[in-house]
Amino acid sequence: MKSIILGSVLVVSLLGLIVVLFRKRIGLSVFTSFGIHLVLAAVGIYIVNYSGWIIGTYIPLNPATIGTVTVLGLPGVGLILGLKFSLFG
């Protein structure tokens, strides 16, 4: 019974989100922009990990690091590197 209620709440909220997105004329451009930022964040972390610019550093590709770089852009990579050097030597 609990899963039926949670499933129906999920479906109703998803339909409400779709209605709001298309009524406000936001459309799919928000998702496209977010997807581009997400891919660029992963590429930025990948370049730092495998380019050899900073020897001995590795930034894991997980939701926290990719989310930080997605929101902050490439300065987010610098933030993560700074935190790694200052906290973990």
PDB file of N, CA and C in Angstrom:
ATOM      1  N   MET A   1       0.819  -1.192   0.000  1.00  0.00           N
ATOM      2  CA  MET A   1       0.000   0.000   0.000  1.00  0.00           C
ATOM      3  C   MET A   1       0.864   1.258   0.000  1.00  0.00           C
ATOM      4  N   LYS A   2       1.951   1.198   0.775  1.00  0.00           N
ATOM      5  CA  LYS A   2       2.837   2.358   0.857  1.00  0.00           C
ATOM      6  C   LYS A   2       3.492   2.651  -0.493  1.00  0.00           C
ATOM      7  N   SER A   3       3.878   1.611  -1.216  1.00  0.00           N
ATOM      8  CA  SER A   3       4.530   1.824  -2.507  1.00  0.00           C
ATOM      9  C   SER A   3       3.557   2.384  -3.542  1.00  0.00           C
ATOM     10  N   ILE A   4       2.285   2.027  -3.447  1.00  0.00           N
ATOM     11  CA  ILE A   4       1.290   2.567  -4.375  1.00  0.00           C
ATOM     12  C   ILE A   4       1.111   4.067  -4.140  1.00  0.00           C
ATOM     13  N   ILE A   5       1.069   4.467  -2.872  1.00  0.00           N
ATOM     14  CA  ILE A   5       0.920   5.889  -2.545  1.00  0.00           C
ATOM     15  C   ILE A   5       2.151   6.664  -3.008  1.00  0.00           C
ATOM     16  N   LEU A   6       3.352   6.150  -2.721  1.00  0.00           N
ATOM     17  CA  LEU A   6       4.575   6.833  -3.148  1.00  0.00           C
ATOM     18  C   LEU A   6       4.681   6.902  -4.665  1.00  0.00           C
ATOM     19  N   GLY A   7       4.287   5.833  -5.346  1.00  0.00           N
ATOM     20  CA  GLY A   7       4.313   5.833  -6.807  1.00  0.00           C
ATOM     21  C   GLY A   7       3.352   6.843  -7.400  1.00  0.00           C
ATOM     22  N   SER A   8       2.156   6.951  -6.806  1.00  0.00           N
ATOM     23  CA  SER A   8       1.190   7.918  -7.332  1.00  0.00           C
ATOM     24  C   SER A   8       1.642   9.353  -7.068  1.00  0.00           C
ATOM     25  N   VAL A   9       2.266   9.600  -5.917  1.00  0.00           N
ATOM     26  CA  VAL A   9       2.808  10.934  -5.641  1.00  0.00           C
ATOM     27  C   VAL A   9       3.907  11.268  -6.645  1.00  0.00           C
ATOM     28  N   LEU A  10       4.746  10.296  -6.970  1.00  0.00           N
ATOM     29  CA  LEU A  10       5.811  10.507  -7.949  1.00  0.00           C
ATOM     30  C   LEU A  10       5.248  10.846  -9.324  1.00  0.00           C
ATOM     31  N   VAL A  11       4.247  10.107  -9.749  1.00  0.00           N
ATOM     32  CA  VAL A  11       3.655  10.341 -11.068  1.00  0.00           C
ATOM     33  C   VAL A  11       2.978  11.711 -11.124  1.00  0.00           C
ATOM     34  N   VAL A  12       2.237  12.069 -10.092  1.00  0.00           N
ATOM     35  CA  VAL A  12       1.551  13.365 -10.075  1.00  0.00           C
ATOM     36  C   VAL A  12       2.557  14.509 -10.068  1.00  0.00           C
ATOM     37  N   SER A  13       3.623  14.387  -9.276  1.00  0.00           N
ATOM     38  CA  SER A  13       4.614  15.460  -9.232  1.00  0.00           C
ATOM     39  C   SER A  13       5.376  15.563 -10.555  1.00  0.00           C
ATOM     40  N   LEU A  14       5.634  14.445 -11.203  1.00  0.00           N
ATOM     41  CA  LEU A  14       6.300  14.476 -12.505  1.00  0.00           C
ATOM     42  C   LEU A  14       5.418  15.156 -13.547  1.00  0.00           C
ATOM     43  N   LEU A  15       4.143  14.837 -13.555  1.00  0.00           N
ATOM     44  CA  LEU A  15       3.227  15.490 -14.494  1.00  0.00           C
ATOM     45  C   LEU A  15       3.110  16.981 -14.200  1.00  0.00           C
ATOM     46  N   GLY A  16       3.083  17.351 -12.925  1.00  0.00           N
ATOM     47  CA  GLY A  16       3.045  18.771 -12.567  1.00  0.00           C
ATOM     48  C   GLY A  16       4.282  19.509 -13.036  1.00  0.00           C
ATOM     49  N   LEU A  17       5.451  18.867 -12.902  1.00  0.00           N
ATOM     50  CA  LEU A  17       6.696  19.484 -13.366  1.00  0.00           C
ATOM     51  C   LEU A  17       6.684  19.681 -14.873  1.00  0.00           C
ATOM     52  N   ILE A  18       6.200  18.708 -15.594  1.00  0.00           N
ATOM     53  CA  ILE A  18       6.134  18.821 -17.059  1.00  0.00           C
ATOM     54  C   ILE A  18       5.185  19.947 -17.467  1.00  0.00           C
ATOM     55  N   VAL A  19       4.043  20.055 -16.794  1.00  0.00           N
ATOM     56  CA  VAL A  19       3.090  21.121 -17.105  1.00  0.00           C
ATOM     57  C   VAL A  19       3.708  22.488 -16.851  1.00  0.00           C
ATOM     58  N   VAL A  20       4.400  22.643 -15.715  1.00  0.00           N
ATOM     59  CA  VAL A  20       5.012  23.935 -15.386  1.00  0.00           C
ATOM     60  C   VAL A  20       6.103  24.281 -16.398  1.00  0.00           C
ATOM     61  N   LEU A  21       6.935  23.310 -16.771  1.00  0.00           N
ATOM     62  CA  LEU A  21       8.026  23.581 -17.712  1.00  0.00           C
ATOM     63  C   LEU A  21       7.510  24.050 -19.065  1.00  0.00           C
ATOM     64  N   PHE A  22       6.476  23.410 -19.572  1.00  0.00           N
ATOM     65  CA  PHE A  22       6.001  23.778 -20.892  1.00  0.00           C
ATOM     66  C   PHE A  22       5.038  24.967 -20.866  1.00  0.00           C
ATOM     67  N   ARG A  23       4.386  25.229 -19.760  1.00  0.00           N
ATOM     68  CA  ARG A  23       3.514  26.392 -19.671  1.00  0.00           C
ATOM     69  C   ARG A  23       4.347  27.668 -19.572  1.00  0.00           C
ATOM     70  N   LYS A  24       5.475  27.622 -18.896  1.00  0.00           N
ATOM     71  CA  LYS A  24       6.343  28.791 -18.748  1.00  0.00           C
ATOM     72  C   LYS A  24       7.266  28.974 -19.950  1.00  0.00           C
ATOM     73  N   ARG A  25       7.139  28.132 -20.943  1.00  0.00           N
ATOM     74  CA  ARG A  25       7.953  28.196 -22.166  1.00  0.00           C
ATOM     75  C   ARG A  25       9.436  27.957 -21.890  1.00  0.00           C
ATOM     76  N   ILE A  26       9.715  27.265 -20.811  1.00  0.00           N
ATOM     77  CA  ILE A  26      11.109  26.921 -20.528  1.00  0.00           C
ATOM     78  C   ILE A  26      11.521  25.773 -21.436  1.00  0.00           C
ATOM     79  N   GLY A  27      10.663  24.794 -21.536  1.00  0.00           N
ATOM     80  CA  GLY A  27      10.896  23.685 -22.441  1.00  0.00           C
ATOM     81  C   GLY A  27      12.103  22.861 -22.077  1.00  0.00           C
ATOM     82  N   LEU A  28      12.723  22.315 -23.073  1.00  0.00           N
ATOM     83  CA  LEU A  28      13.854  21.423 -22.868  1.00  0.00           C
ATOM     84  C   LEU A  28      15.196  22.146 -22.855  1.00  0.00           C
ATOM     85  N   SER A  29      15.194  23.467 -23.021  1.00  0.00           N
ATOM     86  CA  SER A  29      16.457  24.196 -23.046  1.00  0.00           C
ATOM     87  C   SER A  29      17.166  24.133 -21.696  1.00  0.00           C
ATOM     88  N   VAL A  30      16.411  24.045 -20.608  1.00  0.00           N
ATOM     89  CA  VAL A  30      17.015  23.936 -19.286  1.00  0.00           C
ATOM     90  C   VAL A  30      17.770  22.622 -19.166  1.00  0.00           C
ATOM     91  N   PHE A  31      17.138  21.544 -19.631  1.00  0.00           N
ATOM     92  CA  PHE A  31      17.786  20.242 -19.564  1.00  0.00           C
ATOM     93  C   PHE A  31      18.994  20.163 -20.482  1.00  0.00           C
ATOM     94  N   THR A  32      18.923  20.797 -21.628  1.00  0.00           N
ATOM     95  CA  THR A  32      20.056  20.818 -22.548  1.00  0.00           C
ATOM     96  C   THR A  32      21.228  21.576 -21.942  1.00  0.00           C
ATOM     97  N   SER A  33      20.957  22.713 -21.351  1.00  0.00           N
ATOM     98  CA  SER A  33      22.011  23.504 -20.723  1.00  0.00           C
ATOM     99  C   SER A  33      22.638  22.742 -19.559  1.00  0.00           C
ATOM    100  N   PHE A  34      21.815  22.107 -18.733  1.00  0.00           N
ATOM    101  CA  PHE A  34      22.331  21.323 -17.613  1.00  0.00           C
ATOM    102  C   PHE A  34      23.172  20.152 -18.109  1.00  0.00           C
ATOM    103  N   GLY A  35      22.729  19.506 -19.171  1.00  0.00           N
ATOM    104  CA  GLY A  35      23.480  18.382 -19.729  1.00  0.00           C
ATOM    105  C   GLY A  35      24.833  18.812 -20.267  1.00  0.00           C
ATOM    106  N   ILE A  36      24.873  19.966 -20.919  1.00  0.00           N
ATOM    107  CA  ILE A  36      26.146  20.468 -21.438  1.00  0.00           C
ATOM    108  C   ILE A  36      27.096  20.795 -20.295  1.00  0.00           C
ATOM    109  N   HIS A  37      26.589  21.435 -19.232  1.00  0.00           N
ATOM    110  CA  HIS A  37      27.435  21.732 -18.076  1.00  0.00           C
ATOM    111  C   HIS A  37      27.926  20.456 -17.398  1.00  0.00           C
ATOM    112  N   LEU A  38      27.082  19.446 -17.345  1.00  0.00           N
ATOM    113  CA  LEU A  38      27.465  18.182 -16.730  1.00  0.00           C
ATOM    114  C   LEU A  38      28.580  17.504 -17.506  1.00  0.00           C
ATOM    115  N   VAL A  39      28.465  17.492 -18.819  1.00  0.00           N
ATOM    116  CA  VAL A  39      29.498  16.876 -19.657  1.00  0.00           C
ATOM    117  C   VAL A  39      30.809  17.665 -19.570  1.00  0.00           C
ATOM    118  N   LEU A  40      30.731  18.986 -19.598  1.00  0.00           N
ATOM    119  CA  LEU A  40      31.946  19.796 -19.484  1.00  0.00           C
ATOM    120  C   LEU A  40      32.615  19.631 -18.120  1.00  0.00           C
ATOM    121  N   ALA A  41      31.831  19.434 -17.079  1.00  0.00           N
ATOM    122  CA  ALA A  41      32.397  19.187 -15.746  1.00  0.00           C
ATOM    123  C   ALA A  41      33.166  17.868 -15.731  1.00  0.00           C
ATOM    124  N   ALA A  42      32.572  16.836 -16.298  1.00  0.00           N
ATOM    125  CA  ALA A  42      33.245  15.537 -16.345  1.00  0.00           C
ATOM    126  C   ALA A  42      34.514  15.602 -17.187  1.00  0.00           C
ATOM    127  N   VAL A  43      34.459  16.325 -18.293  1.00  0.00           N
ATOM    128  CA  VAL A  43      35.645  16.473 -19.150  1.00  0.00           C
ATOM    129  C   VAL A  43      36.743  17.243 -18.424  1.00  0.00           C
ATOM    130  N   GLY A  44      36.372  18.298 -17.693  1.00  0.00           N
ATOM    131  CA  GLY A  44      37.361  19.068 -16.932  1.00  0.00           C
ATOM    132  C   GLY A  44      38.056  18.224 -15.873  1.00  0.00           C
ATOM    133  N   ILE A  45      37.300  17.418 -15.155  1.00  0.00           N
ATOM    134  CA  ILE A  45      37.903  16.540 -14.150  1.00  0.00           C
ATOM    135  C   ILE A  45      38.764  15.485 -14.819  1.00  0.00           C
ATOM    136  N   TYR A  46      38.290  14.949 -15.934  1.00  0.00           N
ATOM    137  CA  TYR A  46      39.059  13.945 -16.665  1.00  0.00           C
ATOM    138  C   TYR A  46      40.392  14.520 -17.148  1.00  0.00           C
ATOM    139  N   ILE A  47      40.379  15.744 -17.642  1.00  0.00           N
ATOM    140  CA  ILE A  47      41.617  16.384 -18.117  1.00  0.00           C
ATOM    141  C   ILE A  47      42.604  16.553 -16.971  1.00  0.00           C
ATOM    142  N   VAL A  48      42.113  16.975 -15.812  1.00  0.00           N
ATOM    143  CA  VAL A  48      43.013  17.132 -14.661  1.00  0.00           C
ATOM    144  C   VAL A  48      43.577  15.787 -14.229  1.00  0.00           C
ATOM    145  N   ASN A  49      42.760  14.754 -14.265  1.00  0.00           N
ATOM    146  CA  ASN A  49      43.220  13.440 -13.811  1.00  0.00           C
ATOM    147  C   ASN A  49      44.263  12.821 -14.740  1.00  0.00           C
ATOM    148  N   TYR A  50      44.079  12.949 -16.024  1.00  0.00           N
ATOM    149  CA  TYR A  50      44.914  12.200 -16.961  1.00  0.00           C
ATOM    150  C   TYR A  50      45.847  13.037 -17.823  1.00  0.00           C
ATOM    151  N   SER A  51      45.906  14.341 -17.611  1.00  0.00           N
ATOM    152  CA  SER A  51      46.782  15.157 -18.442  1.00  0.00           C
ATOM    153  C   SER A  51      48.210  15.168 -17.925  1.00  0.00           C
ATOM    154  N   GLY A  52      48.404  14.987 -16.638  1.00  0.00           N
ATOM    155  CA  GLY A  52      49.738  15.028 -16.075  1.00  0.00           C
ATOM    156  C   GLY A  52      50.183  16.422 -15.699  1.00  0.00           C
ATOM    157  N   TRP A  53      49.271  17.413 -15.722  1.00  0.00           N
ATOM    158  CA  TRP A  53      49.641  18.776 -15.332  1.00  0.00           C
ATOM    159  C   TRP A  53      50.061  18.821 -13.869  1.00  0.00           C
ATOM    160  N   ILE A  54      49.305  18.167 -13.026  1.00  0.00           N
ATOM    161  CA  ILE A  54      49.624  18.106 -11.602  1.00  0.00           C
ATOM    162  C   ILE A  54      49.844  16.638 -11.270  1.00  0.00           C
ATOM    163  N   ILE A  55      51.085  16.278 -11.041  1.00  0.00           N
ATOM    164  CA  ILE A  55      51.447  14.875 -10.851  1.00  0.00           C
ATOM    165  C   ILE A  55      50.977  14.411  -9.473  1.00  0.00           C
ATOM    166  N   GLY A  56      50.404  13.227  -9.436  1.00  0.00           N
ATOM    167  CA  GLY A  56      49.981  12.624  -8.186  1.00  0.00           C
ATOM    168  C   GLY A  56      48.612  13.058  -7.700  1.00  0.00           C
ATOM    169  N   THR A  57      47.845  13.737  -8.538  1.00  0.00           N
ATOM    170  CA  THR A  57      46.503  14.136  -8.118  1.00  0.00           C
ATOM    171  C   THR A  57      45.477  13.316  -8.874  1.00  0.00           C
ATOM    172  N   TYR A  58      44.424  13.014  -8.170  1.00  0.00           N
ATOM    173  CA  TYR A  58      43.308  12.294  -8.774  1.00  0.00           C
ATOM    174  C   TYR A  58      42.030  12.805  -8.134  1.00  0.00           C
ATOM    175  N   ILE A  59      41.104  13.280  -8.944  1.00  0.00           N
ATOM    176  CA  ILE A  59      39.796  13.715  -8.474  1.00  0.00           C
ATOM    177  C   ILE A  59      38.802  12.642  -8.908  1.00  0.00           C
ATOM    178  N   PRO A  60      38.157  11.996  -7.955  1.00  0.00           N
ATOM    179  CA  PRO A  60      37.213  10.941  -8.350  1.00  0.00           C
ATOM    180  C   PRO A  60      35.994  11.518  -9.063  1.00  0.00           C
ATOM    181  N   LEU A  61      35.469  10.768 -10.009  1.00  0.00           N
ATOM    182  CA  LEU A  61      34.249  11.170 -10.704  1.00  0.00           C
ATOM    183  C   LEU A  61      33.063  10.611  -9.928  1.00  0.00           C
ATOM    184  N   ASN A  62      32.524  11.401  -9.021  1.00  0.00           N
ATOM    185  CA  ASN A  62      31.343  11.001  -8.262  1.00  0.00           C
ATOM    186  C   ASN A  62      30.349  12.157  -8.282  1.00  0.00           C
ATOM    187  N   PRO A  63      29.140  11.938  -7.806  1.00  0.00           N
ATOM    188  CA  PRO A  63      28.137  13.004  -7.884  1.00  0.00           C
ATOM    189  C   PRO A  63      28.536  14.299  -7.172  1.00  0.00           C
ATOM    190  N   ALA A  64      29.270  14.205  -6.078  1.00  0.00           N
ATOM    191  CA  ALA A  64      29.651  15.420  -5.350  1.00  0.00           C
ATOM    192  C   ALA A  64      30.631  16.269  -6.150  1.00  0.00           C
ATOM    193  N   THR A  65      31.649  15.649  -6.719  1.00  0.00           N
ATOM    194  CA  THR A  65      32.643  16.423  -7.464  1.00  0.00           C
ATOM    195  C   THR A  65      32.068  16.951  -8.777  1.00  0.00           C
ATOM    196  N   ILE A  66      31.327  16.119  -9.472  1.00  0.00           N
ATOM    197  CA  ILE A  66      30.743  16.571 -10.733  1.00  0.00           C
ATOM    198  C   ILE A  66      29.694  17.650 -10.473  1.00  0.00           C
ATOM    199  N   GLY A  67      28.924  17.525  -9.400  1.00  0.00           N
ATOM    200  CA  GLY A  67      27.950  18.555  -9.052  1.00  0.00           C
ATOM    201  C   GLY A  67      28.604  19.879  -8.732  1.00  0.00           C
ATOM    202  N   THR A  68      29.727  19.828  -7.995  1.00  0.00           N
ATOM    203  CA  THR A  68      30.449  21.053  -7.659  1.00  0.00           C
ATOM    204  C   THR A  68      30.969  21.737  -8.912  1.00  0.00           C
ATOM    205  N   VAL A  69      31.566  20.974  -9.801  1.00  0.00           N
ATOM    206  CA  VAL A  69      32.117  21.554 -11.024  1.00  0.00           C
ATOM    207  C   VAL A  69      30.999  21.988 -11.971  1.00  0.00           C
ATOM    208  N   THR A  70      29.864  21.306 -11.947  1.00  0.00           N
ATOM    209  CA  THR A  70      28.736  21.718 -12.783  1.00  0.00           C
ATOM    210  C   THR A  70      28.205  23.075 -12.341  1.00  0.00           C
ATOM    211  N   VAL A  71      28.089  23.269 -11.035  1.00  0.00           N
ATOM    212  CA  VAL A  71      27.548  24.527 -10.529  1.00  0.00           C
ATOM    213  C   VAL A  71      28.558  25.658 -10.649  1.00  0.00           C
ATOM    214  N   LEU A  72      29.825  25.395 -10.296  1.00  0.00           N
ATOM    215  CA  LEU A  72      30.825  26.461 -10.256  1.00  0.00           C
ATOM    216  C   LEU A  72      31.616  26.628 -11.552  1.00  0.00           C
ATOM    217  N   GLY A  73      31.550  25.670 -12.437  1.00  0.00           N
ATOM    218  CA  GLY A  73      32.329  25.733 -13.666  1.00  0.00           C
ATOM    219  C   GLY A  73      33.752  25.268 -13.421  1.00  0.00           C
ATOM    220  N   LEU A  74      34.654  25.698 -14.266  1.00  0.00           N
ATOM    221  CA  LEU A  74      36.051  25.266 -14.119  1.00  0.00           C
ATOM    222  C   LEU A  74      36.718  25.768 -12.838  1.00  0.00           C
ATOM    223  N   PRO A  75      36.322  26.909 -12.257  1.00  0.00           N
ATOM    224  CA  PRO A  75      36.874  27.227 -10.936  1.00  0.00           C
ATOM    225  C   PRO A  75      36.526  26.191  -9.878  1.00  0.00           C
ATOM    226  N   GLY A  76      35.479  25.409 -10.112  1.00  0.00           N
ATOM    227  CA  GLY A  76      35.138  24.323  -9.200  1.00  0.00           C
ATOM    228  C   GLY A  76      36.214  23.257  -9.163  1.00  0.00           C
ATOM    229  N   VAL A  77      36.876  23.032 -10.311  1.00  0.00           N
ATOM    230  CA  VAL A  77      37.997  22.080 -10.336  1.00  0.00           C
ATOM    231  C   VAL A  77      39.123  22.605  -9.462  1.00  0.00           C
ATOM    232  N   GLY A  78      39.393  23.900  -9.549  1.00  0.00           N
ATOM    233  CA  GLY A  78      40.412  24.507  -8.685  1.00  0.00           C
ATOM    234  C   GLY A  78      40.031  24.412  -7.217  1.00  0.00           C
ATOM    235  N   LEU A  79      38.754  24.599  -6.918  1.00  0.00           N
ATOM    236  CA  LEU A  79      38.283  24.470  -5.544  1.00  0.00           C
ATOM    237  C   LEU A  79      38.503  23.058  -5.023  1.00  0.00           C
ATOM    238  N   ILE A  80      38.161  22.074  -5.808  1.00  0.00           N
ATOM    239  CA  ILE A  80      38.339  20.684  -5.373  1.00  0.00           C
ATOM    240  C   ILE A  80      39.816  20.359  -5.210  1.00  0.00           C
ATOM    241  N   LEU A  81      40.651  20.834  -6.141  1.00  0.00           N
ATOM    242  CA  LEU A  81      42.094  20.604  -6.000  1.00  0.00           C
ATOM    243  C   LEU A  81      42.644  21.295  -4.755  1.00  0.00           C
ATOM    244  N   GLY A  82      42.204  22.523  -4.501  1.00  0.00           N
ATOM    245  CA  GLY A  82      42.647  23.238  -3.306  1.00  0.00           C
ATOM    246  C   GLY A  82      42.229  22.533  -2.027  1.00  0.00           C
ATOM    247  N   LEU A  83      40.993  22.041  -1.997  1.00  0.00           N
ATOM    248  CA  LEU A  83      40.542  21.287  -0.832  1.00  0.00           C
ATOM    249  C   LEU A  83      41.336  20.004  -0.651  1.00  0.00           C
ATOM    250  N   LYS A  84      41.634  19.356  -1.755  1.00  0.00           N
ATOM    251  CA  LYS A  84      42.393  18.108  -1.667  1.00  0.00           C
ATOM    252  C   LYS A  84      43.799  18.368  -1.137  1.00  0.00           C
ATOM    253  N   PHE A  85      44.445  19.414  -1.643  1.00  0.00           N
ATOM    254  CA  PHE A  85      45.818  19.722  -1.171  1.00  0.00           C
ATOM    255  C   PHE A  85      45.819  20.191   0.275  1.00  0.00           C
ATOM    256  N   SER A  86      44.822  21.007   0.657  1.00  0.00           N
ATOM    257  CA  SER A  86      44.844  21.540   2.015  1.00  0.00           C
ATOM    258  C   SER A  86      44.378  20.538   3.061  1.00  0.00           C
ATOM    259  N   LEU A  87      43.461  19.665   2.715  1.00  0.00           N
ATOM    260  CA  LEU A  87      42.950  18.703   3.687  1.00  0.00           C
ATOM    261  C   LEU A  87      43.753  17.406   3.740  1.00  0.00           C
ATOM    262  N   PHE A  88      44.197  16.940   2.585  1.00  0.00           N
ATOM    263  CA  PHE A  88      44.828  15.625   2.523  1.00  0.00           C
ATOM    264  C   PHE A  88      46.299  15.669   2.167  1.00  0.00           C
ATOM    265  N   GLY A  89      46.857  16.839   2.092  1.00  0.00           N
ATOM    266  CA  GLY A  89      48.296  16.995   1.836  1.00  0.00           C
ATOM    267  C   GLY A  89      48.633  16.739   0.464  1.00  0.00           C
TER     268      GLY A  89
END
